[in-house]
Amino acid sequence: MNSIKIILTGATGMVGEGILAECLENTNVSEILSVSRKPCGIQHAKLKEYIVPDFLAMNLHDNLKGYDAVFFCAGISSIGMNEEEYTRITFDTTIHFARAALSQNRDMVFNYVSGAYTDSTESGKMMWARVKGKTENALRKLGFRAVYNFRPGFMKPVEGQKNVKWFFKPFIWIFPLILPSKSLTLQEVGRAMIMAVQKGYPTSTVEIKDIKNLAI
């Protein structure tokens, strides 16, 4: 199985940091380019960083050449945000980045961290779910070799992670015990993303059960 080179966003957040940790340890990954607004604070032989203060202002750039996949893990909670603001950050930023990456290599795979209960119809009552669904749908149409929209539920951080919000910590051990079928580890999500690039998957929408299957 040939090793792959990955572009990863969101390394300074909990999800991106956890998936980055799996990619750094996984022998199927040979290189990671972390694209972020600030340094992630991690030093590793496989890791390079490309600091972009504003993704929406990012021009097409040679830095994104030579990679097999994008793991788009950057995101934000919708709490306290209106739909216009959340759309700008969630939809506009993701699609702008995807187009920049696609312009450098049309044979890439794009893995997008969406969320459980995302609304693909774009017409539901939950604002965040509509915007995530709109983003998923737009990504499928861009022309990547494949797009996989990952819809994880609760994700347990990797041991030693720094970017874990204080209010999340009490649930780390409790939630997987209460609802194991709705829980994943970030190692599983990262491993599933790697396998999706290397082996493919029958469906573009990757639910919790699919993530578990890919991560085996």
Protein backbone atom coordinates (compact mmCIF):
# COMPACT_ATOMS: atom_id res chain seq x y z
CA MET A 1 0.00 0.00 0.00
CA ASN A 2 1.60 3.26 -1.12
CA SER A 3 1.98 6.01 1.47
CA ILE A 4 0.09 9.26 0.95
CA LYS A 5 0.74 12.97 1.36
CA ILE A 6 -1.95 14.99 3.11
CA ILE A 7 -2.98 18.62 3.48
CA LEU A 8 -4.67 19.10 6.85
CA THR A 9 -6.55 22.09 8.24
CA GLY A 10 -7.62 22.73 11.81
CA ALA A 11 -4.52 21.45 13.60
CA THR A 12 -4.99 24.08 16.32
CA GLY A 13 -8.47 22.73 17.16
CA MET A 14 -9.42 19.52 18.96
CA VAL A 15 -10.50 17.51 15.91
CA GLY A 16 -7.64 18.58 13.66
CA GLU A 17 -5.05 18.09 16.39
CA GLY A 18 -6.28 14.55 17.08
CA ILE A 19 -6.36 13.58 13.41
CA LEU A 20 -2.92 15.12 12.92
CA ALA A 21 -1.61 12.93 15.76
CA GLU A 22 -2.91 9.81 14.01
CA CYS A 23 -1.41 10.89 10.68
CA LEU A 24 1.98 11.51 12.26
CA GLU A 25 2.01 8.02 13.79
CA ASN A 26 0.46 6.20 10.83
CA THR A 27 3.01 4.58 8.50
CA ASN A 28 0.60 4.97 5.56
CA VAL A 29 1.17 8.75 5.67
CA SER A 30 4.54 10.08 4.49
CA GLU A 31 3.97 13.84 4.70
CA ILE A 32 1.48 16.30 6.21
CA LEU A 33 1.12 19.96 5.31
CA SER A 34 -0.73 21.74 8.11
CA VAL A 35 -2.49 24.83 6.75
CA SER A 36 -3.63 27.01 9.60
CA ARG A 37 -4.00 30.58 10.84
CA LYS A 38 -1.27 30.05 13.45
CA PRO A 39 1.46 27.48 14.19
CA CYS A 40 0.27 24.25 15.77
CA GLY A 41 3.30 23.98 18.08
CA ILE A 42 4.21 20.44 16.98
CA GLN A 43 7.60 19.45 15.58
CA HIS A 44 7.87 16.27 13.52
CA ALA A 45 9.89 15.06 10.54
CA LYS A 46 6.72 14.41 8.51
CA LEU A 47 5.10 17.77 9.28
CA LYS A 48 5.30 21.03 7.34
CA GLU A 49 3.33 24.19 8.08
CA TYR A 50 1.80 26.83 5.84
CA ILE A 51 0.43 29.79 7.83
CA VAL A 52 -2.55 31.51 6.21
CA PRO A 53 -4.12 34.27 8.37
CA ASP A 54 -7.33 34.34 6.30
CA PHE A 55 -8.41 31.32 4.25
CA LEU A 56 -10.83 33.47 2.24
CA ALA A 57 -7.96 35.70 1.14
CA MET A 58 -5.77 32.74 0.19
CA ASN A 59 -4.58 32.87 -3.40
CA LEU A 60 -3.90 29.80 -5.52
CA HIS A 61 -0.49 28.71 -4.37
CA ASP A 62 2.18 26.19 -5.30
CA ASN A 63 2.37 25.15 -1.62
CA LEU A 64 -0.68 22.96 -2.23
CA LYS A 65 0.91 20.99 -5.08
CA GLY A 66 1.98 17.38 -4.81
CA TYR A 67 -0.54 16.13 -2.25
CA ASP A 68 -2.97 13.22 -2.49
CA ALA A 69 -5.72 14.44 -0.19
CA VAL A 70 -7.14 17.23 1.93
CA PHE A 71 -8.35 16.48 5.45
CA PHE A 72 -10.50 19.55 6.16
CA CYS A 73 -10.89 19.57 9.94
CA ALA A 74 -11.23 23.32 10.53
CA GLY A 75 -14.57 24.39 11.91
CA ILE A 76 -16.44 26.35 14.53
CA SER A 77 -19.48 25.92 16.76
CA SER A 78 -22.66 27.65 15.61
CA ILE A 79 -23.56 28.68 19.17
CA GLY A 80 -24.21 32.42 19.31
CA MET A 81 -23.84 32.88 15.56
CA ASN A 82 -26.38 33.92 12.97
CA GLU A 83 -26.76 31.98 9.73
CA GLU A 84 -24.94 34.53 7.57
CA GLU A 85 -21.89 34.56 9.82
CA TYR A 86 -21.83 30.79 10.24
CA THR A 87 -22.19 30.30 6.48
CA ARG A 88 -19.24 32.57 5.77
CA ILE A 89 -16.99 30.58 8.10
CA THR A 90 -18.33 27.09 7.39
CA PHE A 91 -19.39 27.16 3.74
CA ASP A 92 -17.46 30.01 2.09
CA THR A 93 -14.13 29.20 3.72
CA THR A 94 -14.34 25.47 3.00
CA ILE A 95 -15.32 25.88 -0.64
CA HIS A 96 -12.69 28.57 -1.28
CA PHE A 97 -10.00 26.31 0.18
CA ALA A 98 -11.27 23.30 -1.77
CA ARG A 99 -11.11 25.21 -5.05
CA ALA A 100 -7.56 26.36 -4.30
CA ALA A 101 -6.46 22.77 -3.63
CA LEU A 102 -8.32 21.41 -6.65
CA SER A 103 -6.61 23.92 -8.95
CA GLN A 104 -3.28 22.33 -8.03
CA ASN A 105 -4.31 18.68 -8.42
CA ARG A 106 -7.60 17.40 -9.81
CA ASP A 107 -6.76 13.85 -8.72
CA MET A 108 -7.07 14.66 -5.02
CA VAL A 109 -9.46 13.20 -2.46
CA PHE A 110 -11.24 15.71 -0.21
CA ASN A 111 -12.23 14.50 3.28
CA TYR A 112 -14.52 16.95 5.07
CA VAL A 113 -15.34 16.73 8.78
CA SER A 114 -19.05 17.48 8.81
CA GLY A 115 -21.24 16.27 11.65
CA ALA A 116 -23.84 13.72 12.69
CA TYR A 117 -27.40 14.81 11.76
CA THR A 118 -26.22 17.11 8.97
CA ASP A 119 -29.15 18.03 6.71
CA SER A 120 -28.42 17.16 3.07
CA THR A 121 -31.76 18.63 1.99
CA GLU A 122 -30.64 22.08 3.22
CA SER A 123 -34.21 22.77 4.37
CA GLY A 124 -34.35 21.57 7.97
CA LYS A 125 -34.93 23.55 11.15
CA MET A 126 -31.38 23.38 12.51
CA MET A 127 -29.28 26.19 11.03
CA TRP A 128 -25.90 24.49 11.47
CA ALA A 129 -27.21 21.28 9.86
CA ARG A 130 -28.49 23.17 6.80
CA VAL A 131 -25.17 24.98 6.32
CA LYS A 132 -23.16 21.77 6.75
CA GLY A 133 -25.46 20.05 4.25
CA LYS A 134 -24.99 22.87 1.75
CA THR A 135 -21.22 22.53 2.18
CA GLU A 136 -21.29 18.76 1.67
CA ASN A 137 -23.40 19.11 -1.48
CA ALA A 138 -21.16 21.80 -2.98
CA LEU A 139 -17.99 19.80 -2.32
CA ARG A 140 -19.39 16.80 -4.22
CA LYS A 141 -19.86 18.95 -7.33
CA LEU A 142 -16.37 20.48 -7.51
CA GLY A 143 -14.64 17.69 -9.44
CA PHE A 144 -12.33 15.95 -6.96
CA ARG A 145 -11.44 12.32 -7.60
CA ALA A 146 -13.56 11.60 -4.54
CA VAL A 147 -15.23 13.54 -1.72
CA TYR A 148 -16.00 11.91 1.62
CA ASN A 149 -18.17 13.83 4.08
CA PHE A 150 -17.38 12.41 7.51
CA ARG A 151 -20.23 12.65 10.01
CA PRO A 152 -18.81 11.65 13.38
CA GLY A 153 -20.67 11.90 16.65
CA PHE A 154 -18.83 12.25 19.94
CA MET A 155 -15.06 12.07 19.40
CA LYS A 156 -12.72 11.16 22.22
CA PRO A 157 -9.44 13.15 22.03
CA VAL A 158 -6.02 11.57 21.69
CA GLU A 159 -4.16 11.29 24.96
CA GLY A 160 -2.05 14.37 25.58
CA GLN A 161 -3.98 16.72 23.31
CA LYS A 162 -3.71 20.40 24.18
CA ASN A 163 -6.68 21.79 22.26
CA VAL A 164 -9.55 20.40 24.31
CA LYS A 165 -12.08 22.88 25.71
CA TRP A 166 -12.54 22.73 29.49
CA PHE A 167 -16.30 22.17 29.23
CA PHE A 168 -15.73 19.11 27.02
CA LYS A 169 -13.43 17.28 29.43
CA PRO A 170 -16.12 15.89 31.82
CA PHE A 171 -17.74 14.04 28.90
CA ILE A 172 -14.57 12.36 27.61
CA TRP A 173 -14.98 9.23 29.70
CA ILE A 174 -18.71 9.35 30.45
CA PHE A 175 -20.24 9.67 26.98
CA PRO A 176 -18.59 6.59 25.40
CA LEU A 177 -19.87 4.49 28.30
CA ILE A 178 -23.43 5.78 27.97
CA LEU A 179 -23.69 5.76 24.16
CA PRO A 180 -20.87 3.61 22.74
CA SER A 181 -22.60 3.32 19.33
CA LYS A 182 -22.48 7.13 18.94
CA SER A 183 -18.87 7.49 20.06
CA LEU A 184 -15.56 7.40 18.22
CA THR A 185 -11.95 8.13 19.02
CA LEU A 186 -10.07 10.68 16.96
CA GLN A 187 -7.61 7.89 16.14
CA GLU A 188 -10.49 6.03 14.48
CA VAL A 189 -11.56 9.10 12.51
CA GLY A 190 -8.00 9.75 11.34
CA ARG A 191 -7.44 6.12 10.39
CA ALA A 192 -10.74 6.02 8.50
CA MET A 193 -9.79 9.14 6.55
CA ILE A 194 -6.49 7.58 5.54
CA MET A 195 -8.19 4.34 4.46
CA ALA A 196 -10.79 6.27 2.43
CA VAL A 197 -7.97 7.86 0.42
CA GLN A 198 -6.08 4.63 -0.10
CA LYS A 199 -8.93 2.16 -0.67
CA GLY A 200 -11.98 4.30 -1.42
CA TYR A 201 -15.46 3.81 0.03
CA PRO A 202 -18.84 3.04 -1.61
CA THR A 203 -20.62 6.13 -0.25
CA SER A 204 -19.68 9.80 -0.14
CA THR A 205 -21.48 10.28 3.19
CA VAL A 206 -19.49 8.53 5.90
CA GLU A 207 -21.56 7.98 9.04
CA ILE A 208 -20.37 6.69 12.43
CA LYS A 209 -20.76 3.02 11.46
CA ASP A 210 -18.87 3.66 8.23
CA ILE A 211 -16.03 5.35 10.10
CA LYS A 212 -15.76 2.33 12.38
CA ASN A 213 -15.69 -0.01 9.36
CA LEU A 214 -12.98 2.01 7.63
CA ALA A 215 -10.87 2.25 10.78
CA ILE A 216 -10.58 -1.52 11.30
